[in-house]
Protein backbone atom coordinates (compact mmCIF):
# COMPACT_ATOMS: atom_id res chain seq x y z
CA MET A 1 0.00 0.00 0.00
CA ARG A 2 1.33 3.44 -0.91
CA GLY A 3 1.05 6.64 1.13
CA LEU A 4 -0.10 10.04 -0.09
CA SER A 5 2.09 11.77 -2.60
CA GLY A 6 4.10 14.81 -1.52
CA ALA A 7 1.92 17.18 -3.62
CA VAL A 8 -1.33 15.96 -2.05
CA THR A 9 0.14 16.28 1.45
CA ALA A 10 1.33 19.83 0.70
CA LEU A 11 -2.11 20.77 -0.66
CA ILE A 12 -3.83 19.46 2.48
CA LEU A 13 -1.44 21.46 4.70
CA VAL A 14 -2.03 24.67 2.69
CA VAL A 15 -5.83 24.29 2.87
CA ALA A 16 -5.71 23.59 6.62
CA SER A 17 -3.46 26.64 7.17
CA VAL A 18 -5.85 28.92 5.24
CA ILE A 19 -8.86 27.65 7.21
CA LEU A 20 -7.02 28.15 10.51
CA ALA A 21 -5.99 31.69 9.49
CA LEU A 22 -9.61 32.57 8.59
CA ILE A 23 -10.83 31.34 11.97
CA VAL A 24 -8.21 33.41 13.82
CA VAL A 25 -9.10 36.53 11.80
CA GLY A 26 -12.81 35.91 12.42
CA PHE A 27 -12.33 35.86 16.18
CA ALA A 28 -9.95 38.82 16.10
CA PHE A 29 -12.54 41.02 14.37
CA ASN A 30 -15.63 39.61 16.18
CA LEU A 31 -17.05 38.12 12.99
CA PHE A 32 -18.55 35.21 14.93
CA GLY A 33 -21.25 36.98 16.95
CA SER A 34 -22.35 33.96 18.96
CA TYR A 35 -18.84 33.49 20.34
CA SER A 36 -18.07 37.14 21.01
CA THR A 37 -19.24 39.88 23.36
CA ALA A 38 -20.97 41.77 20.53
CA GLY A 39 -24.18 43.34 21.72
CA ALA A 40 -23.17 43.44 25.34
CA VAL A 41 -24.19 46.68 27.07
CA SER A 42 -22.64 47.61 30.41
CA PRO A 43 -22.79 50.66 32.68
CA VAL A 44 -19.60 52.67 33.21
CA GLY A 45 -18.92 54.83 36.26
CA THR A 46 -21.50 56.40 38.54
CA ALA A 47 -25.11 56.92 37.47
CA TYR A 48 -27.38 59.65 38.85
CA ILE A 49 -31.15 59.97 39.06
CA TYR A 50 -33.11 63.24 39.15
CA THR A 51 -36.69 63.54 40.38
CA THR A 52 -37.12 67.29 41.01
CA SER A 53 -35.08 68.73 38.14
CA ALA A 54 -33.71 67.77 34.73
CA PRO A 55 -29.98 67.77 33.93
CA TYR A 56 -28.04 69.22 30.98
CA GLY A 57 -30.57 71.93 30.09
CA ILE A 58 -33.39 69.46 29.41
CA SER A 59 -36.84 70.90 30.09
CA TYR A 60 -38.15 69.45 33.37
CA THR A 61 -41.57 67.78 33.41
CA SER A 62 -43.16 67.19 36.81
CA GLY A 63 -43.56 63.48 37.50
CA ASP A 64 -40.78 62.39 35.13
CA VAL A 65 -37.60 60.75 36.38
CA TYR A 66 -34.25 61.41 34.67
CA LEU A 67 -31.44 58.83 34.72
CA VAL A 68 -27.94 60.00 33.76
CA VAL A 69 -25.81 56.98 32.94
CA THR A 70 -22.81 56.15 30.79
CA LEU A 71 -23.36 52.93 28.86
CA ASN A 72 -20.81 51.03 26.82
CA ASN A 73 -22.55 49.23 23.95
CA ARG A 74 -20.13 46.91 22.16
CA GLY A 75 -22.70 46.06 19.50
CA PRO A 76 -25.14 47.91 17.28
CA SER A 77 -27.77 50.30 18.64
CA VAL A 78 -30.39 48.44 20.67
CA ASN A 79 -33.89 49.49 21.76
CA ILE A 80 -34.93 49.76 25.41
CA THR A 81 -38.07 47.62 25.63
CA SER A 82 -38.98 48.03 29.31
CA ALA A 83 -37.60 49.22 32.63
CA THR A 84 -38.09 49.05 36.37
CA ILE A 85 -37.04 51.53 39.03
CA ASN A 86 -36.75 50.07 42.54
CA GLY A 87 -38.86 47.15 41.29
CA MET A 88 -41.69 49.31 39.91
CA PRO A 89 -42.43 49.28 36.16
CA ALA A 90 -41.45 52.48 34.36
CA THR A 91 -41.70 53.61 30.75
CA ALA A 92 -38.61 55.04 29.11
CA TYR A 93 -39.97 57.48 26.54
CA GLN A 94 -37.04 59.76 25.68
CA VAL A 95 -33.28 59.34 25.44
CA TYR A 96 -30.78 62.18 25.20
CA GLN A 97 -27.12 61.88 24.27
CA VAL A 98 -24.89 64.09 26.42
CA ASN A 99 -22.03 66.14 25.04
CA THR A 100 -19.80 66.36 28.11
CA ALA A 101 -17.55 68.97 26.49
CA THR A 102 -20.42 71.49 26.16
CA ASN A 103 -22.55 70.14 29.03
CA THR A 104 -25.59 69.85 26.73
CA ALA A 105 -27.87 67.02 25.65
CA THR A 106 -29.43 66.20 22.28
CA GLN A 107 -32.61 64.12 22.04
CA LEU A 108 -32.23 60.90 20.04
CA SER A 109 -34.91 59.86 17.56
CA GLY A 110 -36.03 56.83 19.52
CA VAL A 111 -35.61 55.04 22.81
CA PHE A 112 -32.38 53.14 22.30
CA VAL A 113 -28.80 52.74 23.45
CA PRO A 114 -26.47 53.84 20.65
CA ALA A 115 -23.34 51.90 19.73
CA GLY A 116 -20.14 52.79 21.56
CA GLN A 117 -19.65 54.44 24.93
CA ASN A 118 -22.13 57.27 25.50
CA THR A 119 -23.40 59.30 28.42
CA LEU A 120 -27.19 59.27 28.17
CA VAL A 121 -30.16 60.83 29.91
CA ILE A 122 -33.03 58.35 29.91
CA VAL A 123 -36.40 59.93 30.77
CA PHE A 124 -38.98 57.74 32.51
CA THR A 125 -42.67 58.29 33.06
CA GLY A 126 -45.31 56.26 34.88
CA ILE A 127 -43.31 56.09 38.08
CA ASN A 128 -44.18 57.73 41.36
CA PRO A 129 -41.07 59.76 42.29
CA SER A 130 -41.85 59.18 45.99
CA ILE A 131 -40.62 55.54 45.73
CA ILE A 132 -37.16 57.00 45.05
CA ALA A 133 -36.38 58.00 48.62
CA GLY A 134 -32.69 57.25 48.97
CA SER A 135 -29.56 55.93 47.29
CA PRO A 136 -28.86 53.68 45.64
CA VAL A 137 -31.78 53.59 43.24
CA ASN A 138 -31.91 50.25 41.42
CA ILE A 139 -32.80 50.42 37.72
CA GLN A 140 -33.19 47.54 35.30
CA LEU A 141 -33.25 48.21 31.55
CA ALA A 142 -34.56 45.39 29.37
CA LEU A 143 -33.12 45.57 25.87
CA ALA A 144 -34.39 44.23 22.55
CA ASN A 145 -31.35 41.91 22.26
CA GLY A 146 -32.56 40.01 25.35
CA GLN A 147 -30.06 41.56 27.74
CA THR A 148 -30.97 43.25 31.02
CA VAL A 149 -28.71 46.07 32.20
CA TYR A 150 -28.56 46.68 35.97
CA VAL A 151 -27.76 50.20 37.14
CA ALA A 152 -27.42 51.46 40.71
CA ALA A 153 -27.89 55.25 40.64
CA ALA A 154 -27.23 57.88 43.25
CA LEU A 155 -30.07 60.31 44.00
CA SER A 156 -29.06 63.72 42.74
CA GLY A 157 -32.01 66.04 42.52
């Protein structure tokens, strides 16, 4: 019985090397979403909640609650589908992106967490501000990608 010829062996080694290189490149650039952290949203730093005023020049509406939080979204923009504040259901109905250099906020055209690391003001309605009596205030944001983001915010105003 004869073994494989040298040319066939070389061809097999070249094909295997190319496949291995493609796999390494795929992981390096997060091309395999199910094996990467793509889409993961996490809070960064300290979050603050406002019940008697609105931050960053946003017009205050009585009864609304304003959460200032920096979120790092390592995937594409993702919608906020529901929320709770101290265990009570709340509706997020506006999101502002903060420009920390100018200390201003711009309203986004939807209720979502944009890609990248952004400081946001998320405006909630349907919550009784009196349940927010002290710090920390526990907020859960349910996202359209199935993730829940947990934020502990300090009471600010």
